[in-house]
Amino acid sequence: MERERGLIGRLKEHSWIDAIRHYRNKSDIVNGLVFRGKRDLDELITIAEKAPDAEGRKNIQEEIFTDEKIQRLLIALLRTTERRTADPRRARLAALAARVATEKIMSQYEIAEPQLALRTQNTRVLKDAGQICSAIAYKLGSEYAVSRLEAAYRLERHGRNKKKIESKS
């Protein structure tokens, strides 16, 4: 396999800091990466929406979106950071993934389980799990927003107190 060049190739082998160290204009690198990432993600979404599950003997969806690749993507997106602080963005993504996955599992379960009573009980548990995930993500997001506002307020107050002290001198 040929070695990739550029930033993506470096990121596969090094940390973010080591990968961008050689670039002079880091904001151009970041902007380019964001542009490329959005474009590539949009293309993958189009393939997922439009490509058939099977074309002849090949299953296009299965070849592109393998279990291993999707698992790696989810783990990378939802990874735990080194800091033990609230991470509302990843919590929202996790809740969204749980909700979408729960809906899919419930629709498949209706096909697999003909017994309505058993199906109703189990789908209720799945719905509750999805709602709990959403509630946790909302709580984290709210607490995070409040803590950011409080920090901004403390900084602003500190700035005003500093000006008062300087004006008295």
Foldseek 3Di string as FASTA:
>chain_A
DDQDDDLVSVVVPDPPCVSCVPPDDVVVVVVVVVVVVVVVVVVVVCCVVPPACDDVPDRVCCVVVPPVVVVVVLCVLLPDDPDPAQDLVSLQVVLVVLVVVLVVVLVVVVVVDVDPVVSVVVNVVSVVVSVVSVVVSVVSVVVVVVVVVVVVVVVVVVVVVVVVVVVVD
